Protein backbone atom coordinates (compact mmCIF):
# COMPACT_ATOMS: atom_id res chain seq x y z
CA MET A 1 104.21 95.35 92.40
CA SER A 2 100.50 96.24 92.62
CA SER A 3 101.26 99.95 92.16
CA PHE A 4 103.62 99.10 89.26
CA TRP A 5 100.93 97.15 87.41
CA LYS A 6 98.53 100.09 87.83
CA SER A 7 101.12 102.35 86.16
CA PHE A 8 102.22 99.74 83.59
CA GLY A 9 101.44 100.60 79.96
CA PRO A 10 103.00 103.83 78.65
CA GLY A 11 106.18 101.93 77.72
CA LEU A 12 104.14 99.49 75.67
CA LEU A 13 102.28 102.33 73.99
CA TRP A 14 105.64 103.77 73.01
CA ALA A 15 106.69 100.27 71.80
CA GLY A 16 103.54 100.13 69.72
CA THR A 17 104.64 103.37 68.04
CA ALA A 18 108.16 102.04 67.51
CA ILE A 19 107.29 98.53 66.25
CA GLY A 20 105.96 99.49 62.86
CA VAL A 21 107.68 100.89 59.83
CA SER A 22 111.10 100.61 61.43
CA HIS A 23 110.59 96.89 62.06
CA LEU A 24 108.25 95.52 59.47
CA VAL A 25 109.64 97.59 56.62
CA GLN A 26 113.18 98.75 57.35
CA SER A 27 114.44 95.84 59.47
CA THR A 28 112.96 93.29 57.08
CA ARG A 29 114.47 95.11 54.10
CA ALA A 30 117.81 95.14 55.90
CA GLY A 31 117.64 91.36 56.38
CA ALA A 32 116.50 90.72 52.81
CA ASP A 33 119.26 92.84 51.26
CA MET A 34 122.19 92.19 53.57
CA GLY A 35 121.32 89.17 55.74
CA PHE A 36 122.70 90.04 59.19
CA GLY A 37 125.27 92.41 57.77
CA LEU A 38 123.51 95.50 59.17
CA ALA A 39 123.22 94.10 62.73
CA GLY A 40 125.90 96.51 63.95
CA VAL A 41 124.02 99.52 62.46
CA ILE A 42 120.78 98.52 64.22
CA ILE A 43 122.59 97.90 67.51
CA LEU A 44 124.33 101.27 67.17
CA ALA A 45 120.98 103.07 66.72
CA LEU A 46 119.40 101.20 69.66
CA VAL A 47 122.30 101.98 71.98
CA LEU A 48 122.89 105.60 71.00
CA LYS A 49 119.20 106.66 71.21
CA TYR A 50 118.32 104.88 74.45
CA PRO A 51 118.89 107.75 76.93
CA PHE A 52 116.84 110.27 74.98
CA PHE A 53 113.79 107.98 74.98
CA GLU A 54 114.29 107.16 78.68
CA PHE A 55 114.27 110.83 79.56
CA GLY A 56 110.59 111.12 78.51
CA PRO A 57 108.94 108.99 81.22
CA ARG A 58 111.65 110.00 83.72
CA TYR A 59 110.79 113.66 83.36
CA ALA A 60 107.03 113.12 83.45
CA ALA A 61 107.17 110.92 86.57
CA ALA A 62 109.53 113.31 88.38
CA THR A 63 107.87 116.61 87.52
CA GLY A 64 104.23 115.72 86.81
CA THR A 65 104.54 117.57 83.48
CA SER A 66 105.46 116.47 79.98
CA LEU A 67 108.61 117.07 77.94
CA ILE A 68 106.69 119.80 76.09
CA GLU A 69 106.82 121.82 79.29
CA GLY A 70 110.46 120.88 79.58
CA TYR A 71 111.09 122.39 76.14
CA ARG A 72 109.29 125.60 77.14
CA ARG A 73 111.50 125.84 80.28
CA SER A 74 114.50 125.86 77.94
CA GLY A 75 113.01 128.84 76.12
CA ARG A 76 110.16 129.73 73.77
CA TRP A 77 112.49 128.94 70.84
CA ALA A 78 112.62 125.27 71.90
CA LEU A 79 108.85 125.01 72.18
CA TYR A 80 108.28 126.67 68.79
CA LEU A 81 110.97 124.53 67.17
CA TYR A 82 109.24 121.39 68.39
CA PHE A 83 105.85 122.68 67.34
CA ALA A 84 107.19 123.48 63.85
CA SER A 85 108.76 120.01 63.59
CA VAL A 86 105.43 118.35 64.48
CA LEU A 87 103.49 120.44 62.00
CA SER A 88 105.95 119.69 59.21
CA THR A 89 105.91 115.95 59.71
CA VAL A 90 102.52 114.97 61.04
CA VAL A 91 100.60 114.54 57.81
CA PHE A 92 103.45 113.02 55.88
CA THR A 93 104.29 110.47 58.57
CA GLN A 94 100.66 109.55 59.29
CA ALA A 95 99.98 109.16 55.53
CA ALA A 96 102.91 106.80 55.09
CA ILE A 97 101.82 104.66 58.04
CA LEU A 98 98.14 104.57 57.01
CA MET A 99 98.98 103.88 53.35
CA PHE A 100 101.05 100.88 54.32
CA CYS A 101 98.41 99.72 56.82
CA SER A 102 95.60 100.13 54.27
CA TYR A 103 97.30 97.84 51.76
CA LEU A 104 97.67 95.15 54.46
CA PHE A 105 94.08 95.70 55.59
CA GLN A 106 92.69 95.24 52.04
CA ASN A 107 94.85 92.26 51.33
CA ALA A 108 93.79 90.57 54.53
CA PHE A 109 90.07 91.03 53.82
CA GLY A 110 90.14 90.72 50.05
CA LEU A 111 89.07 94.29 49.42
CA GLU A 112 89.84 96.56 46.46
CA TRP A 113 89.03 99.98 47.81
CA PRO A 114 90.92 103.17 46.84
CA VAL A 115 93.79 103.73 49.22
CA PRO A 116 92.32 107.03 50.67
CA THR A 117 89.05 105.28 51.44
CA ALA A 118 90.72 102.40 53.22
CA ALA A 119 92.88 104.83 55.15
CA LEU A 120 89.85 106.79 56.32
CA VAL A 121 88.12 103.58 57.42
CA LEU A 122 91.19 102.66 59.53
CA TYR A 123 91.27 106.21 60.87
CA GLY A 124 87.59 105.88 61.74
CA ILE A 125 88.21 102.65 63.59
CA GLY A 126 91.04 104.27 65.54
CA GLY A 127 88.93 107.34 66.20
CA SER A 128 86.12 105.18 67.59
CA ILE A 129 88.49 103.46 69.97
CA LEU A 130 89.82 106.84 71.19
CA TRP A 131 86.39 108.51 71.34
CA PHE A 132 84.48 105.78 73.20
CA GLY A 133 87.29 104.25 75.24
CA ARG A 134 89.63 107.19 75.66
CA PHE A 135 93.04 106.35 77.10
CA LYS A 136 91.92 103.18 78.94
CA LEU A 137 90.75 101.46 75.77
CA LEU A 138 93.81 102.66 73.84
CA ASP A 139 96.02 101.15 76.59
CA LEU A 140 94.12 97.85 76.43
CA ALA A 141 93.98 97.67 72.62
CA ILE A 142 97.72 98.22 72.26
CA LYS A 143 98.50 95.55 74.83
CA ALA A 144 96.31 93.08 72.91
CA MET A 145 97.88 93.97 69.58
CA LEU A 146 101.43 93.78 70.92
CA LEU A 147 100.75 90.36 72.36
CA THR A 148 99.35 89.25 68.98
CA LEU A 149 102.23 90.55 66.92
CA THR A 150 104.84 89.26 69.36
CA ILE A 151 103.41 85.68 69.32
CA GLY A 152 102.97 85.70 65.57
CA THR A 153 106.45 87.08 64.92
CA LEU A 154 108.22 84.70 67.26
CA VAL A 155 106.37 81.67 65.92
CA THR A 156 107.12 82.60 62.30
CA ALA A 157 110.74 83.42 63.08
CA ALA A 158 111.19 80.10 64.85
CA LEU A 159 110.01 78.25 61.71
CA VAL A 160 112.35 80.06 59.35
CA LEU A 161 115.37 80.23 61.70
CA PRO A 162 117.00 77.10 60.25
CA ARG A 163 117.08 78.85 56.84
CA ALA A 164 119.00 81.88 58.17
CA ASP A 165 122.66 82.25 57.23
CA PHE A 166 124.32 83.72 60.29
CA SER A 167 127.72 83.82 58.61
CA THR A 168 126.71 87.27 57.31
CA PHE A 169 126.52 88.69 60.82
CA SER A 170 128.60 91.82 61.23
CA LEU A 171 129.02 94.57 63.78
CA ALA A 172 131.10 96.75 61.42
CA TRP A 173 129.79 99.83 59.61
CA PRO A 174 129.17 98.54 56.07
CA SER A 175 130.87 99.81 53.02
CA THR A 176 128.82 102.23 50.85
CA ASP A 177 129.73 99.90 47.96
CA LEU A 178 127.38 97.36 49.48
CA VAL A 179 124.57 99.58 50.82
CA SER A 180 123.80 103.28 50.31
CA PHE A 181 124.36 105.87 53.04
CA ALA A 182 120.74 107.00 52.46
CA PHE A 183 119.39 103.56 53.41
CA LEU A 184 121.60 103.38 56.50
CA LEU A 185 120.14 106.67 57.76
CA ALA A 186 116.65 105.56 56.77
CA LEU A 187 117.21 102.40 58.81
CA MET A 188 118.55 104.31 61.80
CA GLY A 189 116.04 107.17 61.55
CA TRP A 190 113.13 105.23 62.99
CA MET A 191 115.17 102.56 64.76
CA PRO A 192 113.53 101.93 67.09
CA SER A 193 111.66 105.24 66.58
CA ASP A 194 112.43 108.87 66.07
CA ILE A 195 113.67 110.76 69.20
CA PRO A 196 110.74 113.22 69.42
CA THR A 197 108.41 110.31 70.26
CA ALA A 198 109.87 110.53 73.74
CA VAL A 199 107.32 113.34 74.16
CA TYR A 200 104.53 110.84 73.54
CA ASN A 201 105.81 108.62 76.32
CA SER A 202 105.87 111.54 78.74
CA LEU A 203 102.26 112.42 77.83
CA TRP A 204 101.10 108.80 78.13
CA THR A 205 102.77 108.53 81.56
CA LEU A 206 100.66 111.51 82.69
CA ALA A 207 97.49 110.05 81.07
CA LYS A 208 98.09 106.74 82.81
CA ASP A 209 98.37 108.48 86.15
CA LYS A 210 95.01 110.20 85.60
CA SER A 211 93.23 107.03 84.41
CA SER A 212 94.56 104.85 87.26
CA ASN A 213 94.53 107.57 89.99
CA VAL A 214 98.07 106.48 90.91
CA ARG A 215 101.10 108.77 90.61
CA THR A 216 103.78 106.81 88.76
CA SER A 217 107.15 106.77 90.57
CA VAL A 218 110.30 107.43 88.60
CA ALA A 219 111.50 103.85 89.27
CA HIS A 220 108.27 102.36 87.90
CA ALA A 221 108.30 104.71 84.93
CA GLN A 222 111.86 103.57 84.08
CA LEU A 223 110.99 99.89 84.53
CA ASP A 224 107.91 100.27 82.37
CA PHE A 225 109.95 101.97 79.64
CA ASN A 226 112.80 99.46 79.82
CA ILE A 227 110.35 96.50 79.31
CA GLY A 228 109.02 98.22 76.15
CA TYR A 229 112.49 99.16 74.92
CA ILE A 230 114.01 95.70 75.42
CA GLY A 231 111.08 94.09 73.70
CA THR A 232 111.24 96.57 70.83
CA SER A 233 114.96 95.85 70.40
CA ILE A 234 114.50 92.08 70.36
CA LEU A 235 111.70 92.28 67.83
CA ALA A 236 113.88 94.45 65.56
CA PHE A 237 116.29 91.55 65.16
CA VAL A 238 113.42 89.09 64.85
CA PHE A 239 112.22 91.03 61.76
CA VAL A 240 115.78 91.14 60.42
CA THR A 241 115.75 87.30 60.75
CA LEU A 242 112.46 87.11 58.85
CA GLY A 243 113.93 89.01 55.94
CA ALA A 244 117.28 87.25 56.05
CA ALA A 245 115.83 83.77 56.23
CA VAL A 246 113.25 84.12 53.52
CA MET A 247 114.63 86.65 51.02
CA TYR A 248 118.39 87.02 51.40
CA GLY A 249 120.24 85.18 48.67
CA ALA A 250 117.00 84.13 47.00
CA GLY A 251 117.38 86.56 44.15
CA GLU A 252 114.33 88.45 45.20
CA SER A 253 114.08 92.05 46.39
CA PHE A 254 111.30 94.32 47.61
CA SER A 255 109.31 96.21 45.07
CA PRO A 256 109.28 100.03 45.25
CA ASP A 257 105.57 99.94 44.45
CA GLY A 258 103.56 100.45 47.65
CA ALA A 259 100.85 97.89 47.03
CA VAL A 260 103.38 95.17 46.11
CA PHE A 261 105.85 96.13 48.82
CA SER A 262 103.37 95.96 51.65
CA THR A 263 102.20 92.42 50.92
CA GLN A 264 105.26 90.93 49.28
CA LEU A 265 106.71 89.42 52.46
CA VAL A 266 103.37 87.87 53.38
CA ALA A 267 103.09 86.31 49.89
CA ILE A 268 106.60 84.90 50.12
CA TYR A 269 105.85 83.34 53.52
CA ALA A 270 102.71 81.77 52.16
CA ARG A 271 104.66 80.35 49.26
CA THR A 272 107.56 79.16 51.46
CA LEU A 273 105.75 77.85 54.55
CA GLY A 274 102.21 77.29 53.27
CA PRO A 275 98.99 79.30 53.44
CA THR A 276 98.50 78.78 57.22
CA PHE A 277 101.71 80.48 58.16
CA GLY A 278 101.13 83.08 55.44
CA ALA A 279 97.94 83.92 57.26
CA VAL A 280 99.87 84.12 60.57
CA MET A 281 102.32 86.54 58.94
CA MET A 282 99.46 88.62 57.57
CA ILE A 283 97.87 88.94 61.04
CA THR A 284 101.26 89.76 62.51
CA ALA A 285 101.97 92.40 59.89
CA LEU A 286 98.52 93.97 60.26
CA ALA A 287 98.77 94.06 64.06
CA THR A 288 102.21 95.56 63.78
CA MET A 289 101.15 98.39 61.50
CA PHE A 290 97.77 99.10 63.11
CA SER A 291 99.31 99.41 66.55
CA THR A 292 101.63 102.04 65.15
CA ALA A 293 98.79 103.76 63.37
CA LEU A 294 96.62 103.82 66.47
CA THR A 295 99.33 105.18 68.81
CA VAL A 296 100.28 107.86 66.29
CA MET A 297 96.56 108.75 65.84
CA ASP A 298 96.49 109.53 69.58
CA GLY A 299 100.09 110.82 69.87
CA TYR A 300 100.05 113.63 67.33
CA PRO A 301 96.71 115.19 68.45
CA ARG A 302 97.78 114.88 72.08
CA VAL A 303 101.02 116.67 71.32
CA LEU A 304 99.39 119.39 69.27
CA ASP A 305 96.66 119.94 71.87
CA ARG A 306 99.15 120.36 74.74
CA THR A 307 101.58 122.45 72.74
CA ILE A 308 98.83 124.91 71.67
CA ALA A 309 97.57 125.12 75.28
CA LEU A 310 101.09 125.89 76.48
CA VAL A 311 101.66 128.50 73.78
CA PHE A 312 98.59 130.42 75.02
CA ARG A 313 99.28 129.91 78.73
CA ASP A 314 103.00 130.50 78.32
CA ASP A 315 103.73 129.10 81.81
CA PRO A 316 104.61 125.39 82.32
CA ALA A 317 103.40 125.60 85.96
CA LEU A 318 99.83 126.12 84.69
CA MET A 319 99.92 122.80 82.81
CA ALA A 320 99.91 120.51 85.87
CA GLY A 321 96.80 118.32 85.74
CA TYR A 322 95.95 119.40 82.19
CA VAL A 323 93.78 117.03 80.16
CA PRO A 324 93.33 117.06 76.39
CA GLY A 325 90.71 119.54 75.28
CA ARG A 326 88.83 120.55 72.16
CA ALA A 327 92.09 121.11 70.20
CA TYR A 328 92.76 117.35 70.46
CA TRP A 329 89.72 116.43 68.36
CA ILE A 330 90.11 119.40 66.05
CA SER A 331 93.68 118.20 65.37
CA PHE A 332 92.48 114.62 64.94
CA VAL A 333 89.89 115.53 62.27
CA THR A 334 92.20 118.00 60.52
CA ILE A 335 94.97 115.42 60.26
CA ALA A 336 92.49 112.89 58.82
CA ALA A 337 91.36 115.35 56.13
CA LEU A 338 94.96 116.28 55.17
CA VAL A 339 95.98 112.62 55.06
CA TRP A 340 93.13 111.90 52.73
CA VAL A 341 94.21 114.73 50.43
CA LEU A 342 97.85 113.58 50.44
CA LEU A 343 96.89 109.97 49.70
CA THR A 344 94.50 111.02 46.95
CA PHE A 345 97.16 112.86 45.02
CA LEU A 346 100.44 111.25 46.18
CA ALA A 347 99.73 107.60 46.75
CA GLY A 348 102.74 106.62 44.66
CA ASN A 349 106.03 105.29 45.94
CA LEU A 350 105.62 104.10 49.52
CA ALA A 351 109.24 103.07 49.99
CA ALA A 352 110.50 106.48 48.94
CA MET A 353 108.08 108.27 51.29
CA ILE A 354 109.20 106.15 54.21
CA ASP A 355 112.94 106.56 53.41
CA PHE A 356 112.58 110.33 53.22
CA ALA A 357 110.62 110.55 56.50
CA THR A 358 113.06 108.27 58.41
CA THR A 359 116.09 110.04 57.01
CA MET A 360 114.76 113.48 58.10
CA ALA A 361 113.98 112.00 61.48
CA PHE A 362 117.56 110.92 61.91
CA VAL A 363 118.99 114.29 60.81
CA ALA A 364 116.78 116.17 63.30
CA GLY A 365 117.17 113.62 66.09
CA PRO A 366 120.27 115.14 67.77
CA VAL A 367 118.49 118.49 68.19
CA PHE A 368 115.65 116.94 70.19
CA GLY A 369 118.02 114.59 71.96
CA TYR A 370 119.82 117.69 73.30
CA LEU A 371 116.53 119.28 74.38
CA ASN A 372 115.58 116.06 76.20
CA LEU A 373 118.91 116.05 78.02
CA ARG A 374 118.55 119.75 78.85
CA ALA A 375 115.09 119.10 80.28
CA VAL A 376 116.11 116.29 82.65
CA THR A 377 119.18 118.23 83.90
CA GLY A 378 117.35 121.55 84.31
CA PRO A 379 116.57 123.27 87.63
CA ASP A 380 112.88 122.18 87.61
CA MET A 381 113.96 118.52 87.68
CA PRO A 382 114.21 117.21 91.27
CA ALA A 383 117.87 116.62 92.02
CA GLU A 384 117.34 113.02 93.15
CA HIS A 385 115.76 112.09 89.81
CA ARG A 386 118.23 113.74 87.49
CA PRO A 387 120.36 111.33 85.48
CA GLY A 388 123.71 110.50 87.05
CA LYS A 389 127.10 111.42 85.65
CA PHE A 390 127.33 108.13 83.69
CA MET A 391 123.96 108.65 82.08
CA VAL A 392 124.77 112.26 81.20
CA ALA A 393 128.14 111.20 79.66
CA TYR A 394 126.34 108.41 77.85
CA ALA A 395 123.84 110.93 76.40
CA TRP A 396 126.62 113.25 75.24
CA VAL A 397 128.38 110.35 73.48
CA GLY A 398 125.10 109.59 71.72
CA LEU A 399 124.62 113.21 70.74
CA ILE A 400 128.13 113.50 69.30
CA ALA A 401 127.94 110.24 67.43
CA LEU A 402 124.44 110.82 65.97
CA SER A 403 125.36 114.40 64.99
CA ALA A 404 128.57 113.18 63.31
CA ILE A 405 126.68 110.59 61.23
CA ALA A 406 124.02 113.15 60.29
CA ILE A 407 126.60 115.79 59.29
CA THR A 408 128.59 113.28 57.28
CA PHE A 409 125.44 112.37 55.37
CA LEU A 410 124.51 115.99 54.71
CA VAL A 411 128.06 116.74 53.49
CA SER A 412 127.99 113.70 51.21
CA ARG A 413 124.79 115.01 49.64
CA VAL A 414 126.30 118.39 48.97
CA MET A 415 129.73 117.26 47.70
């Protein structure tokens, strides 16, 4: 157990990435619009995606390298495809997260700053944590924020639970007459996160090894991930409950305007339960979104730094023991500047930005799910740590199902 606690943390960092937009925004919207009618859709996403996230820490612990090296071992095309995917989504995704977080930040402290300014302040806070504390402080900060948001969410959910109408609970795929296909894919796209974030988990597993001077075993990496995944799954339904109990059937819906949308739930809780619990919900929401913002602030530059290094070295064997270099901070500053530009000129419809990003994440998910499966079943993976026949079959079922849903959506858009 002592060696497990030394390696414990990457799964929570991944959970910090996951428990953000998918929970506070999409899960709460699902509860507000349909009660518990979309429970089956959320469970389906959680079940189908599980193996592809688990392959991240498994691969890192078994090989001592990240999934990025696993992609390169599948061929240069896989590495370049992943690199292109990151470059095409990094600014858009980070801007959506920071815009949402900045509205909550300003509401919590009574500020009226321009959105780009507030976003840069938050980026600066995150950058200070990463610069002065490096991985160790990131690990500690995320654990503290996850503890805060978990307590706040559970307390608030317990108070509103008697108001929830569980007669709406359904495991069936809903009719498109009741909810649009686009929203279903937006809900599933980042539920609990998008599949490429498995790469983050593999990188954080390696970073944890370096900071603790303990090589994480595959069993400990899997346990660490499972704790984070189970907690993330439970909190997804807690946020559905928050939306269902407070907004479903109340004749109220979320505003498409970003500033209103981001604080509407908090205002409703303050009105329903009183200002004290409105404040609890505000702290919970801010901890939820800033934990996501902070992990993504580290995750994207870490991914870009390692990918660039591998492109130039062109040999996964040379990446063993690699630590983030100058490209990490160049990427960090560049992303900050591009996010500021995007928020300055496109700080409009937050809900639409998030829906688009989550939908694209779902459509691209099966491709990276396949690459993750290929990595953990490849010849460089020690035979004793490769997934068994059941896990491989489970992954193929997930790939087929996710691909079928994505193709159906794409066809529906063309027809």
